[in-house]
Amino acid sequence: MVVLDLEAEQVHQLNPTASFIWQRCDGQRTVAKIVDELASSFDVDPNTAREAVIAALRRLDELGLLDHPRE
């Protein structure tokens, strides 16, 4: 999967795990839900899935690709 960041004029190519996580960043799913879905879909233990989700979300956020809900 490729994500185009028009504002930064950058293209980001995501690996399968990051793509899976990206597709679930819909503002409705919690981190815990994404972890559960990743663990079951990729047949990995929950701790490994959690680490992968946290790392991917941090990186996507660092790149400015995630919107944050406004309070």
Protein backbone atom coordinates (compact mmCIF):
# COMPACT_ATOMS: atom_id res chain seq x y z
CA MET A 1 0.00 0.00 0.00
CA VAL A 2 1.15 3.51 -0.78
CA VAL A 3 0.05 6.60 1.18
CA LEU A 4 0.40 9.95 -0.53
CA ASP A 5 1.00 12.91 1.78
CA LEU A 6 0.10 15.89 -0.38
CA GLU A 7 0.95 18.43 2.29
CA ALA A 8 4.52 17.13 2.76
CA GLU A 9 4.79 16.07 -0.90
CA GLN A 10 5.88 12.59 0.15
CA VAL A 11 4.92 9.05 -0.74
CA HIS A 12 5.04 6.36 1.94
CA GLN A 13 5.11 2.69 1.05
CA LEU A 14 3.67 0.58 3.86
CA ASN A 15 4.55 -3.03 4.53
CA PRO A 16 1.70 -5.55 4.99
CA THR A 17 1.52 -5.07 8.76
CA ALA A 18 1.52 -1.27 8.56
CA SER A 19 -1.06 -1.43 5.74
CA PHE A 20 -3.31 -3.61 7.88
CA ILE A 21 -3.02 -1.15 10.77
CA TRP A 22 -3.49 1.91 8.51
CA GLN A 23 -6.72 0.49 7.08
CA ARG A 24 -8.11 0.21 10.60
CA CYS A 25 -7.31 3.77 11.65
CA ASP A 26 -10.87 4.86 11.05
CA GLY A 27 -11.55 6.84 14.21
CA GLN A 28 -13.88 4.11 15.42
CA ARG A 29 -11.55 1.28 16.39
CA THR A 30 -9.54 1.46 19.58
CA VAL A 31 -5.88 0.49 19.74
CA ALA A 32 -6.95 -2.63 21.65
CA LYS A 33 -9.36 -3.59 18.85
CA ILE A 34 -6.66 -3.14 16.21
CA VAL A 35 -4.30 -5.27 18.32
CA ASP A 36 -6.92 -8.03 18.56
CA GLU A 37 -7.58 -7.95 14.82
CA LEU A 38 -3.87 -8.01 13.99
CA ALA A 39 -3.20 -10.90 16.37
CA SER A 40 -5.96 -13.02 14.87
CA SER A 41 -5.32 -12.11 11.23
CA PHE A 42 -1.56 -12.60 11.35
CA ASP A 43 -1.65 -15.46 13.87
CA VAL A 44 0.72 -13.77 16.32
CA ASP A 45 0.54 -13.53 20.09
CA PRO A 46 -1.17 -10.46 21.56
CA ASN A 47 2.05 -8.97 22.97
CA THR A 48 3.74 -9.09 19.58
CA ALA A 49 0.65 -7.61 17.95
CA ARG A 50 0.50 -4.82 20.55
CA GLU A 51 4.15 -3.92 20.01
CA ALA A 52 3.63 -3.83 16.24
CA VAL A 53 0.52 -1.67 16.48
CA ILE A 54 2.11 0.79 18.91
CA ALA A 55 5.26 1.08 16.78
CA ALA A 56 3.28 1.58 13.57
CA LEU A 57 0.95 4.16 15.11
CA ARG A 58 3.90 6.07 16.54
CA ARG A 59 5.63 6.12 13.16
CA LEU A 60 2.47 7.13 11.29
CA ASP A 61 1.97 9.91 13.82
CA GLU A 62 5.60 11.07 13.50
CA LEU A 63 5.06 11.30 9.76
CA GLY A 64 1.96 13.43 10.34
CA LEU A 65 -0.34 10.91 8.69
CA LEU A 66 -2.83 10.53 11.53
CA ASP A 67 -5.56 12.97 12.50
CA HIS A 68 -6.26 13.32 16.18
CA PRO A 69 -9.78 13.72 17.54
CA ARG A 70 -10.57 17.18 18.82
CA GLU A 71 -12.01 17.56 22.25
